[in-house]
Amino acid sequence: MMEREKALNLVEKYVKNKNSVKHMLATEAVMKKMADHFGEDPQLWGLAGLLHDIDMERVDYEKKPDKHGPGSVDILNKEGLESEELFDAILAHNPAAGKDTGKLIEKVIRAVDPVTGLIVAATLISPDKKINRIDTDFVMRRFDESSFARGADRELIRGCQDFNMKLEEFISISLKAMQEISDDLGL
């Protein structure tokens, strides 16, 4: 398995947009927290979160959404990484890539990816714009506002039910994970 430091170097090499990097760090943090919750491997789950969007500046998601995910796997293969479980999770995060979500890690990453965006958006509309100053109830109140954080696909977030987690618990665990790295997120 790849060391986190090497993974961070790859992120730095392939992703220049700082907000994109912050999203990848948030996804990593939440995936690690979810791995702990389910008694799974936090290193593997964290790497899946950290590397899931490594192709985002190389693939035109708007024109070819099915290439996002496979592009990440191609990059990681080129960089010498081989991990079927990691690659399957990366492919599964994007429904357009066509990978079903049979494994727990695949179900979780598909829900985690958009929930990080929802939490960031909720933070940015809070009075202090500080993630440590918001709570689960604040995020939950925004969840049903269809005009709020449109990019955070609510159906994918509701996918937490596929791994037997209630929405409120899922948002709570995700928020706590992101609060723990608030300095890295600039929030």
N, C-alpha and C. Protein backbone atom coordinates (compact mmCIF):
# COMPACT_ATOMS: atom_id res chain seq x y z
N MET A 1 0.84 -1.19 0.00
CA MET A 1 0.00 0.00 0.00
C MET A 1 0.89 1.24 0.00
N MET A 2 0.46 2.24 -0.72
CA MET A 2 1.20 3.49 -0.84
C MET A 2 1.19 4.25 0.50
N GLU A 3 2.29 4.87 0.81
CA GLU A 3 2.37 5.72 1.99
C GLU A 3 1.63 7.03 1.72
N ARG A 4 1.09 7.61 2.76
CA ARG A 4 0.34 8.86 2.62
C ARG A 4 1.20 9.97 2.03
N GLU A 5 2.46 10.05 2.46
CA GLU A 5 3.35 11.11 1.97
C GLU A 5 3.51 11.03 0.45
N LYS A 6 3.66 9.83 -0.07
CA LYS A 6 3.77 9.66 -1.53
C LYS A 6 2.45 10.04 -2.21
N ALA A 7 1.35 9.67 -1.59
CA ALA A 7 0.04 10.03 -2.15
C ALA A 7 -0.14 11.55 -2.20
N LEU A 8 0.28 12.24 -1.12
CA LEU A 8 0.20 13.70 -1.10
C LEU A 8 1.08 14.32 -2.19
N ASN A 9 2.24 13.73 -2.43
CA ASN A 9 3.11 14.22 -3.50
C ASN A 9 2.44 14.07 -4.86
N LEU A 10 1.71 12.97 -5.06
CA LEU A 10 0.99 12.77 -6.31
C LEU A 10 -0.15 13.78 -6.45
N VAL A 11 -0.84 14.04 -5.37
CA VAL A 11 -1.90 15.05 -5.41
C VAL A 11 -1.30 16.39 -5.81
N GLU A 12 -0.18 16.75 -5.20
CA GLU A 12 0.49 18.01 -5.52
C GLU A 12 0.92 18.06 -6.99
N LYS A 13 1.34 16.93 -7.51
CA LYS A 13 1.80 16.85 -8.90
C LYS A 13 0.65 17.00 -9.90
N TYR A 14 -0.51 16.42 -9.59
CA TYR A 14 -1.59 16.35 -10.57
C TYR A 14 -2.73 17.33 -10.33
N VAL A 15 -2.83 17.90 -9.14
CA VAL A 15 -3.96 18.78 -8.82
C VAL A 15 -3.43 20.12 -8.32
N LYS A 16 -3.66 21.16 -9.08
CA LYS A 16 -3.14 22.49 -8.75
C LYS A 16 -4.16 23.36 -8.03
N ASN A 17 -5.45 23.13 -8.24
CA ASN A 17 -6.49 23.94 -7.62
C ASN A 17 -6.56 23.64 -6.12
N LYS A 18 -6.33 24.68 -5.32
CA LYS A 18 -6.27 24.49 -3.86
C LYS A 18 -7.59 24.01 -3.27
N ASN A 19 -8.72 24.47 -3.81
CA ASN A 19 -10.01 24.00 -3.30
C ASN A 19 -10.23 22.53 -3.63
N SER A 20 -9.74 22.10 -4.77
CA SER A 20 -9.84 20.68 -5.13
C SER A 20 -9.01 19.84 -4.16
N VAL A 21 -7.83 20.31 -3.84
CA VAL A 21 -6.97 19.59 -2.89
C VAL A 21 -7.66 19.53 -1.52
N LYS A 22 -8.26 20.63 -1.10
CA LYS A 22 -8.97 20.65 0.19
C LYS A 22 -10.12 19.64 0.18
N HIS A 23 -10.83 19.54 -0.95
CA HIS A 23 -11.91 18.55 -1.06
C HIS A 23 -11.34 17.14 -0.91
N MET A 24 -10.21 16.88 -1.52
CA MET A 24 -9.60 15.55 -1.43
C MET A 24 -9.15 15.26 0.00
N LEU A 25 -8.61 16.26 0.68
CA LEU A 25 -8.22 16.08 2.10
C LEU A 25 -9.44 15.83 2.97
N ALA A 26 -10.53 16.55 2.69
CA ALA A 26 -11.76 16.33 3.46
C ALA A 26 -12.30 14.93 3.24
N THR A 27 -12.28 14.48 1.99
CA THR A 27 -12.77 13.14 1.67
C THR A 27 -11.90 12.09 2.35
N GLU A 28 -10.60 12.32 2.37
CA GLU A 28 -9.69 11.42 3.08
C GLU A 28 -10.05 11.34 4.56
N ALA A 29 -10.23 12.49 5.19
CA ALA A 29 -10.52 12.53 6.63
C ALA A 29 -11.81 11.79 6.96
N VAL A 30 -12.85 12.03 6.15
CA VAL A 30 -14.13 11.37 6.40
C VAL A 30 -14.02 9.87 6.15
N MET A 31 -13.32 9.49 5.10
CA MET A 31 -13.16 8.05 4.82
C MET A 31 -12.42 7.35 5.95
N LYS A 32 -11.40 7.98 6.51
CA LYS A 32 -10.68 7.39 7.65
C LYS A 32 -11.62 7.21 8.84
N LYS A 33 -12.41 8.25 9.10
CA LYS A 33 -13.34 8.20 10.23
C LYS A 33 -14.38 7.08 10.01
N MET A 34 -14.83 6.94 8.77
CA MET A 34 -15.80 5.87 8.45
C MET A 34 -15.15 4.50 8.60
N ALA A 35 -13.90 4.38 8.18
CA ALA A 35 -13.18 3.10 8.34
C ALA A 35 -13.11 2.73 9.82
N ASP A 36 -12.78 3.70 10.65
CA ASP A 36 -12.74 3.45 12.10
C ASP A 36 -14.11 3.00 12.60
N HIS A 37 -15.15 3.68 12.14
CA HIS A 37 -16.51 3.36 12.56
C HIS A 37 -16.87 1.91 12.22
N PHE A 38 -16.48 1.48 11.03
CA PHE A 38 -16.85 0.14 10.57
C PHE A 38 -15.79 -0.92 10.86
N GLY A 39 -14.70 -0.56 11.52
CA GLY A 39 -13.65 -1.53 11.82
C GLY A 39 -12.88 -1.96 10.58
N GLU A 40 -12.74 -1.04 9.64
CA GLU A 40 -12.02 -1.31 8.40
C GLU A 40 -10.64 -0.66 8.43
N ASP A 41 -9.90 -0.79 7.34
CA ASP A 41 -8.52 -0.30 7.24
C ASP A 41 -8.50 1.20 6.96
N PRO A 42 -8.17 2.04 7.94
CA PRO A 42 -8.19 3.48 7.72
C PRO A 42 -7.16 3.96 6.70
N GLN A 43 -6.05 3.23 6.56
CA GLN A 43 -5.04 3.64 5.57
C GLN A 43 -5.60 3.48 4.16
N LEU A 44 -6.18 2.33 3.87
CA LEU A 44 -6.76 2.09 2.54
C LEU A 44 -7.90 3.05 2.27
N TRP A 45 -8.81 3.17 3.22
CA TRP A 45 -9.97 4.04 3.04
C TRP A 45 -9.54 5.50 2.89
N GLY A 46 -8.55 5.91 3.68
CA GLY A 46 -8.05 7.28 3.57
C GLY A 46 -7.42 7.55 2.21
N LEU A 47 -6.63 6.60 1.72
CA LEU A 47 -6.02 6.77 0.40
C LEU A 47 -7.08 6.86 -0.69
N ALA A 48 -8.14 6.08 -0.57
CA ALA A 48 -9.22 6.15 -1.56
C ALA A 48 -9.80 7.55 -1.57
N GLY A 49 -10.02 8.12 -0.40
CA GLY A 49 -10.54 9.48 -0.32
C GLY A 49 -9.57 10.52 -0.85
N LEU A 50 -8.31 10.37 -0.50
CA LEU A 50 -7.30 11.34 -0.92
C LEU A 50 -7.07 11.32 -2.43
N LEU A 51 -7.10 10.15 -3.03
CA LEU A 51 -6.73 10.01 -4.44
C LEU A 51 -7.92 9.94 -5.40
N HIS A 52 -9.14 9.96 -4.90
CA HIS A 52 -10.30 9.68 -5.76
C HIS A 52 -10.47 10.68 -6.90
N ASP A 53 -10.02 11.91 -6.72
CA ASP A 53 -10.19 12.95 -7.74
C ASP A 53 -8.87 13.38 -8.37
N ILE A 54 -7.86 12.53 -8.33
CA ILE A 54 -6.54 12.94 -8.82
C ILE A 54 -6.56 13.25 -10.32
N ASP A 55 -7.59 12.79 -11.01
CA ASP A 55 -7.70 13.05 -12.46
C ASP A 55 -8.52 14.30 -12.79
N MET A 56 -8.99 15.02 -11.79
CA MET A 56 -9.98 16.07 -12.02
C MET A 56 -9.50 17.20 -12.94
N GLU A 57 -8.21 17.40 -13.05
CA GLU A 57 -7.71 18.45 -13.95
C GLU A 57 -7.26 17.87 -15.28
N ARG A 58 -7.43 16.57 -15.45
CA ARG A 58 -7.03 15.92 -16.69
C ARG A 58 -8.22 15.35 -17.47
N VAL A 59 -9.37 15.26 -16.81
CA VAL A 59 -10.56 14.69 -17.43
C VAL A 59 -11.65 15.77 -17.47
N ASP A 60 -12.29 15.91 -18.61
CA ASP A 60 -13.40 16.87 -18.73
C ASP A 60 -14.67 16.19 -18.24
N TYR A 61 -14.98 16.40 -16.95
CA TYR A 61 -16.11 15.73 -16.33
C TYR A 61 -17.43 16.12 -16.98
N GLU A 62 -17.53 17.36 -17.43
CA GLU A 62 -18.78 17.82 -18.05
C GLU A 62 -19.04 17.10 -19.37
N LYS A 63 -18.01 16.95 -20.19
CA LYS A 63 -18.18 16.34 -21.52
C LYS A 63 -18.06 14.82 -21.49
N LYS A 64 -17.23 14.31 -20.60
CA LYS A 64 -16.99 12.86 -20.54
C LYS A 64 -17.01 12.39 -19.08
N PRO A 65 -18.18 12.43 -18.45
CA PRO A 65 -18.23 12.08 -17.02
C PRO A 65 -17.81 10.62 -16.75
N ASP A 66 -17.97 9.75 -17.71
CA ASP A 66 -17.59 8.34 -17.52
C ASP A 66 -16.08 8.14 -17.45
N LYS A 67 -15.31 9.14 -17.81
CA LYS A 67 -13.84 9.03 -17.78
C LYS A 67 -13.26 9.44 -16.43
N HIS A 68 -14.09 10.11 -15.61
CA HIS A 68 -13.62 10.52 -14.28
C HIS A 68 -13.69 9.32 -13.34
N GLY A 69 -12.57 8.97 -12.79
CA GLY A 69 -12.44 7.73 -12.01
C GLY A 69 -11.48 6.82 -12.74
N PRO A 70 -11.87 6.37 -13.95
CA PRO A 70 -10.90 5.61 -14.75
C PRO A 70 -9.63 6.41 -15.01
N GLY A 71 -9.77 7.73 -15.16
CA GLY A 71 -8.58 8.57 -15.35
C GLY A 71 -7.67 8.54 -14.13
N SER A 72 -8.26 8.52 -12.95
CA SER A 72 -7.47 8.43 -11.71
C SER A 72 -6.74 7.10 -11.64
N VAL A 73 -7.43 6.03 -11.98
CA VAL A 73 -6.81 4.70 -11.97
C VAL A 73 -5.64 4.66 -12.96
N ASP A 74 -5.83 5.26 -14.14
CA ASP A 74 -4.75 5.30 -15.14
C ASP A 74 -3.53 6.04 -14.59
N ILE A 75 -3.76 7.19 -13.96
CA ILE A 75 -2.65 7.96 -13.37
C ILE A 75 -1.93 7.13 -12.32
N LEU A 76 -2.68 6.50 -11.44
CA LEU A 76 -2.07 5.73 -10.35
C LEU A 76 -1.32 4.51 -10.87
N ASN A 77 -1.86 3.87 -11.91
CA ASN A 77 -1.13 2.77 -12.55
C ASN A 77 0.18 3.27 -13.12
N LYS A 78 0.13 4.40 -13.82
CA LYS A 78 1.33 4.99 -14.42
C LYS A 78 2.37 5.31 -13.35
N GLU A 79 1.90 5.68 -12.17
CA GLU A 79 2.80 6.01 -11.06
C GLU A 79 3.26 4.77 -10.29
N GLY A 80 2.85 3.59 -10.75
CA GLY A 80 3.34 2.34 -10.16
C GLY A 80 2.51 1.77 -9.03
N LEU A 81 1.33 2.31 -8.82
CA LEU A 81 0.47 1.80 -7.75
C LEU A 81 -0.41 0.69 -8.29
N GLU A 82 -0.51 -0.37 -7.54
CA GLU A 82 -1.40 -1.48 -7.90
C GLU A 82 -2.19 -1.88 -6.65
N SER A 83 -3.49 -1.63 -6.69
CA SER A 83 -4.35 -2.02 -5.59
C SER A 83 -5.77 -2.11 -6.11
N GLU A 84 -6.23 -3.30 -6.33
CA GLU A 84 -7.56 -3.50 -6.89
C GLU A 84 -8.64 -2.89 -6.00
N GLU A 85 -8.52 -3.09 -4.69
CA GLU A 85 -9.54 -2.57 -3.78
C GLU A 85 -9.57 -1.04 -3.81
N LEU A 86 -8.41 -0.42 -3.83
CA LEU A 86 -8.32 1.04 -3.91
C LEU A 86 -8.91 1.52 -5.23
N PHE A 87 -8.52 0.88 -6.32
CA PHE A 87 -9.01 1.28 -7.65
C PHE A 87 -10.52 1.11 -7.75
N ASP A 88 -11.04 0.02 -7.21
CA ASP A 88 -12.50 -0.20 -7.24
C ASP A 88 -13.24 0.91 -6.49
N ALA A 89 -12.69 1.32 -5.36
CA ALA A 89 -13.32 2.40 -4.59
C ALA A 89 -13.29 3.71 -5.38
N ILE A 90 -12.17 4.01 -5.99
CA ILE A 90 -12.05 5.23 -6.79
C ILE A 90 -13.03 5.19 -7.95
N LEU A 91 -13.15 4.06 -8.61
CA LEU A 91 -14.11 3.95 -9.72
C LEU A 91 -15.54 4.10 -9.22
N ALA A 92 -15.83 3.56 -8.06
CA ALA A 92 -17.20 3.56 -7.54
C ALA A 92 -17.66 4.94 -7.07
N HIS A 93 -16.75 5.85 -6.76
CA HIS A 93 -17.18 7.16 -6.24
C HIS A 93 -18.00 7.93 -7.26
N ASN A 94 -17.80 7.67 -8.53
CA ASN A 94 -18.50 8.39 -9.59
C ASN A 94 -19.48 7.45 -10.29
N PRO A 95 -20.76 7.61 -10.07
CA PRO A 95 -21.74 6.71 -10.70
C PRO A 95 -21.62 6.65 -12.22
N ALA A 96 -21.19 7.75 -12.85
CA ALA A 96 -21.08 7.78 -14.31
C ALA A 96 -20.00 6.85 -14.83
N ALA A 97 -19.07 6.45 -13.97
CA ALA A 97 -18.01 5.53 -14.39
C ALA A 97 -18.54 4.10 -14.56
N GLY A 98 -19.74 3.84 -14.05
CA GLY A 98 -20.38 2.55 -14.27
C GLY A 98 -20.01 1.44 -13.32
N LYS A 99 -19.24 1.75 -12.28
CA LYS A 99 -18.84 0.72 -11.30
C LYS A 99 -19.94 0.57 -10.26
N ASP A 100 -20.39 -0.66 -10.08
CA ASP A 100 -21.40 -0.87 -9.04
C ASP A 100 -20.73 -0.78 -7.66
N THR A 101 -21.55 -0.71 -6.64
CA THR A 101 -21.03 -0.53 -5.29
C THR A 101 -21.34 -1.76 -4.44
N GLY A 102 -20.64 -2.83 -4.72
CA GLY A 102 -20.87 -4.07 -3.98
C GLY A 102 -20.18 -4.11 -2.63
N LYS A 103 -19.01 -3.47 -2.54
CA LYS A 103 -18.23 -3.51 -1.31
C LYS A 103 -18.55 -2.30 -0.44
N LEU A 104 -18.36 -2.45 0.85
CA LEU A 104 -18.65 -1.38 1.79
C LEU A 104 -17.88 -0.10 1.46
N ILE A 105 -16.59 -0.20 1.19
CA ILE A 105 -15.78 0.98 0.88
C ILE A 105 -16.34 1.72 -0.33
N GLU A 106 -16.89 0.98 -1.29
CA GLU A 106 -17.45 1.58 -2.51
C GLU A 106 -18.74 2.34 -2.21
N LYS A 107 -19.56 1.78 -1.36
CA LYS A 107 -20.81 2.46 -0.97
C LYS A 107 -20.50 3.72 -0.18
N VAL A 108 -19.52 3.62 0.72
CA VAL A 108 -19.21 4.74 1.59
C VAL A 108 -18.60 5.90 0.80
N ILE A 109 -17.64 5.64 -0.07
CA ILE A 109 -17.00 6.74 -0.79
C ILE A 109 -17.99 7.44 -1.72
N ARG A 110 -18.95 6.71 -2.25
CA ARG A 110 -19.94 7.34 -3.12
C ARG A 110 -20.79 8.35 -2.35
N ALA A 111 -21.06 8.09 -1.08
CA ALA A 111 -21.83 9.03 -0.25
C ALA A 111 -20.94 10.12 0.35
N VAL A 112 -19.71 9.77 0.67
CA VAL A 112 -18.80 10.73 1.30
C VAL A 112 -18.42 11.85 0.34
N ASP A 113 -18.16 11.54 -0.91
CA ASP A 113 -17.71 12.54 -1.88
C ASP A 113 -18.62 13.78 -1.86
N PRO A 114 -19.94 13.63 -2.05
CA PRO A 114 -20.77 14.83 -2.05
C PRO A 114 -21.04 15.43 -0.66
N VAL A 115 -20.99 14.63 0.39
CA VAL A 115 -21.29 15.20 1.72
C VAL A 115 -20.22 16.20 2.14
N THR A 116 -18.99 16.03 1.69
CA THR A 116 -17.96 17.01 2.04
C THR A 116 -18.29 18.37 1.44
N GLY A 117 -18.82 18.38 0.22
CA GLY A 117 -19.21 19.64 -0.41
C GLY A 117 -20.37 20.30 0.32
N LEU A 118 -21.32 19.51 0.76
CA LEU A 118 -22.46 20.03 1.52
C LEU A 118 -21.98 20.70 2.81
N ILE A 119 -21.05 20.04 3.49
CA ILE A 119 -20.54 20.57 4.77
C ILE A 119 -19.73 21.85 4.54
N VAL A 120 -18.92 21.89 3.50
CA VAL A 120 -18.16 23.11 3.19
C VAL A 120 -19.13 24.25 2.88
N ALA A 121 -20.14 23.97 2.06
CA ALA A 121 -21.12 25.02 1.71
C ALA A 121 -21.85 25.52 2.96
N ALA A 122 -22.22 24.62 3.85
CA ALA A 122 -22.89 25.02 5.09
C ALA A 122 -21.96 25.90 5.93
N THR A 123 -20.70 25.54 5.97
CA THR A 123 -19.72 26.33 6.73
C THR A 123 -19.63 27.75 6.16
N LEU A 124 -19.60 27.85 4.85
CA LEU A 124 -19.40 29.15 4.20
C LEU A 124 -20.59 30.09 4.33
N ILE A 125 -21.78 29.54 4.65
CA ILE A 125 -22.92 30.44 4.89
C ILE A 125 -23.15 30.72 6.38
N SER A 126 -22.35 30.08 7.21
CA SER A 126 -22.49 30.33 8.65
C SER A 126 -21.88 31.70 8.97
N PRO A 127 -22.34 32.33 10.04
CA PRO A 127 -21.86 33.69 10.35
C PRO A 127 -20.34 33.81 10.45
N ASP A 128 -19.69 32.86 11.09
CA ASP A 128 -18.23 32.94 11.28
C ASP A 128 -17.43 32.28 10.17
N LYS A 129 -18.12 31.52 9.32
CA LYS A 129 -17.44 30.75 8.26
C LYS A 129 -16.34 29.84 8.83
N LYS A 130 -16.63 29.28 10.00
CA LYS A 130 -15.70 28.37 10.67
C LYS A 130 -16.39 27.04 10.90
N ILE A 131 -15.79 25.97 10.43
CA ILE A 131 -16.40 24.65 10.52
C ILE A 131 -16.60 24.20 11.96
N ASN A 132 -15.71 24.64 12.85
CA ASN A 132 -15.85 24.25 14.25
C ASN A 132 -16.98 24.98 14.97
N ARG A 133 -17.61 25.93 14.30
CA ARG A 133 -18.71 26.68 14.88
C ARG A 133 -20.08 26.19 14.39
N ILE A 134 -20.11 25.21 13.49
CA ILE A 134 -21.39 24.66 13.04
C ILE A 134 -21.59 23.28 13.64
N ASP A 135 -22.83 22.82 13.63
CA ASP A 135 -23.13 21.50 14.17
C ASP A 135 -23.98 20.72 13.17
N THR A 136 -24.25 19.49 13.52
CA THR A 136 -25.01 18.59 12.65
C THR A 136 -26.38 19.18 12.31
N ASP A 137 -27.05 19.76 13.29
CA ASP A 137 -28.38 20.33 13.04
C ASP A 137 -28.32 21.43 11.98
N PHE A 138 -27.28 22.25 12.02
CA PHE A 138 -27.13 23.33 11.05
C PHE A 138 -27.02 22.75 9.63
N VAL A 139 -26.22 21.70 9.47
CA VAL A 139 -26.06 21.06 8.16
C VAL A 139 -27.36 20.37 7.75
N MET A 140 -28.00 19.70 8.68
CA MET A 140 -29.26 19.00 8.38
C MET A 140 -30.34 19.97 7.91
N ARG A 141 -30.38 21.15 8.49
CA ARG A 141 -31.38 22.15 8.06
C ARG A 141 -31.15 22.58 6.61
N ARG A 142 -29.91 22.55 6.17
CA ARG A 142 -29.59 22.94 4.79
C ARG A 142 -29.81 21.78 3.81
N PHE A 143 -29.82 20.57 4.32
CA PHE A 143 -29.88 19.39 3.45
C PHE A 143 -31.10 19.41 2.53
N ASP A 144 -32.25 19.78 3.04
CA ASP A 144 -33.47 19.73 2.24
C ASP A 144 -33.73 20.99 1.42
N GLU A 145 -32.84 21.96 1.51
CA GLU A 145 -32.98 23.17 0.68
C GLU A 145 -32.42 22.86 -0.71
N SER A 146 -33.30 22.66 -1.67
CA SER A 146 -32.86 22.23 -3.01
C SER A 146 -31.97 23.25 -3.71
N SER A 147 -32.13 24.54 -3.38
CA SER A 147 -31.32 25.56 -4.02
C SER A 147 -29.94 25.71 -3.37
N PHE A 148 -29.73 25.04 -2.24
CA PHE A 148 -28.49 25.15 -1.50
C PHE A 148 -27.51 24.05 -1.92
N ALA A 149 -26.28 24.42 -2.21
CA ALA A 149 -25.22 23.45 -2.55
C ALA A 149 -25.71 22.44 -3.57
N ARG A 150 -26.15 22.94 -4.72
CA ARG A 150 -26.72 22.08 -5.76
C ARG A 150 -25.78 20.96 -6.22
N GLY A 151 -24.49 21.20 -6.14
CA GLY A 151 -23.53 20.19 -6.57
C GLY A 151 -23.41 19.01 -5.62
N ALA A 152 -23.95 19.15 -4.43
CA ALA A 152 -23.90 18.07 -3.43
C ALA A 152 -25.13 17.18 -3.63
N ASP A 153 -24.97 16.15 -4.41
CA ASP A 153 -26.07 15.27 -4.81
C ASP A 153 -26.70 14.60 -3.59
N ARG A 154 -27.92 15.02 -3.28
CA ARG A 154 -28.59 14.51 -2.09
C ARG A 154 -28.88 13.02 -2.17
N GLU A 155 -29.19 12.52 -3.35
CA GLU A 155 -29.45 11.08 -3.48
C GLU A 155 -28.20 10.27 -3.16
N LEU A 156 -27.05 10.74 -3.62
CA LEU A 156 -25.81 10.03 -3.30
C LEU A 156 -25.53 10.10 -1.80
N ILE A 157 -25.78 11.25 -1.19
CA ILE A 157 -25.58 11.37 0.25
C ILE A 157 -26.53 10.43 1.00
N ARG A 158 -27.78 10.37 0.54
CA ARG A 158 -28.75 9.45 1.16
C ARG A 158 -28.32 7.99 0.99
N GLY A 159 -27.36 7.75 0.13
CA GLY A 159 -26.81 6.40 -0.04
C GLY A 159 -26.22 5.85 1.24
N CYS A 160 -26.07 6.68 2.26
CA CYS A 160 -25.58 6.19 3.55
C CYS A 160 -26.52 5.11 4.09
N GLN A 161 -27.76 5.12 3.66
CA GLN A 161 -28.70 4.08 4.06
C GLN A 161 -28.27 2.71 3.53
N ASP A 162 -27.53 2.72 2.41
CA ASP A 162 -27.04 1.46 1.83
C ASP A 162 -25.99 0.79 2.72
N PHE A 163 -25.40 1.55 3.64
CA PHE A 163 -24.49 0.93 4.60
C PHE A 163 -25.03 1.09 6.03
N ASN A 164 -26.36 1.10 6.10
CA ASN A 164 -27.08 1.05 7.38
C ASN A 164 -26.72 2.18 8.35
N MET A 165 -26.60 3.38 7.79
CA MET A 165 -26.33 4.53 8.63
C MET A 165 -27.41 5.57 8.36
N LYS A 166 -27.97 6.09 9.43
CA LYS A 166 -28.97 7.15 9.30
C LYS A 166 -28.28 8.43 8.82
N LEU A 167 -29.01 9.23 8.06
CA LEU A 167 -28.46 10.46 7.49
C LEU A 167 -27.84 11.36 8.55
N GLU A 168 -28.52 11.56 9.65
CA GLU A 168 -28.00 12.45 10.69
C GLU A 168 -26.69 11.94 11.26
N GLU A 169 -26.58 10.64 11.48
CA GLU A 169 -25.33 10.07 12.00
C GLU A 169 -24.21 10.22 10.97
N PHE A 170 -24.54 9.99 9.70
CA PHE A 170 -23.56 10.12 8.63
C PHE A 170 -23.02 11.55 8.56
N ILE A 171 -23.90 12.52 8.61
CA ILE A 171 -23.47 13.92 8.56
C ILE A 171 -22.67 14.26 9.82
N SER A 172 -23.08 13.76 10.96
CA SER A 172 -22.38 14.02 12.20
C SER A 172 -20.94 13.49 12.17
N ILE A 173 -20.76 12.25 11.75
CA ILE A 173 -19.42 11.66 11.67
C ILE A 173 -18.58 12.42 10.65
N SER A 174 -19.18 12.75 9.51
CA SER A 174 -18.46 13.47 8.45
C SER A 174 -18.02 14.85 8.93
N LEU A 175 -18.92 15.55 9.59
CA LEU A 175 -18.60 16.88 10.11
C LEU A 175 -17.47 16.81 11.13
N LYS A 176 -17.55 15.85 12.04
CA LYS A 176 -16.50 15.70 13.06
C LYS A 176 -15.14 15.45 12.40
N ALA A 177 -15.11 14.60 11.39
CA ALA A 177 -13.84 14.30 10.69
C ALA A 177 -13.27 15.56 10.06
N MET A 178 -14.14 16.36 9.45
CA MET A 178 -13.68 17.58 8.79
C MET A 178 -13.28 18.64 9.81
N GLN A 179 -13.97 18.69 10.94
CA GLN A 179 -13.59 19.63 11.99
C GLN A 179 -12.19 19.33 12.52
N GLU A 180 -11.83 18.07 12.55
CA GLU A 180 -10.52 17.67 13.07
C GLU A 180 -9.38 18.14 12.17
N ILE A 181 -9.66 18.45 10.91
CA ILE A 181 -8.62 18.96 10.01
C ILE A 181 -8.97 20.37 9.52
N SER A 182 -9.66 21.12 10.35
CA SER A 182 -10.15 22.45 9.94
C SER A 182 -9.02 23.35 9.44
N ASP A 183 -7.84 23.28 10.03
CA ASP A 183 -6.72 24.13 9.58
C ASP A 183 -6.31 23.76 8.16
N ASP A 184 -6.24 22.46 7.86
CA ASP A 184 -5.88 22.02 6.50
C ASP A 184 -6.93 22.47 5.48
N LEU A 185 -8.17 22.56 5.91
CA LEU A 185 -9.26 22.95 5.02
C LEU A 185 -9.42 24.47 4.92
N GLY A 186 -8.72 25.19 5.78
CA GLY A 186 -8.85 26.64 5.79
C GLY A 186 -10.21 27.10 6.26
N LEU A 187 -10.85 26.26 7.06
CA LEU A 187 -12.19 26.55 7.57
C LEU A 187 -12.16 26.54 9.10
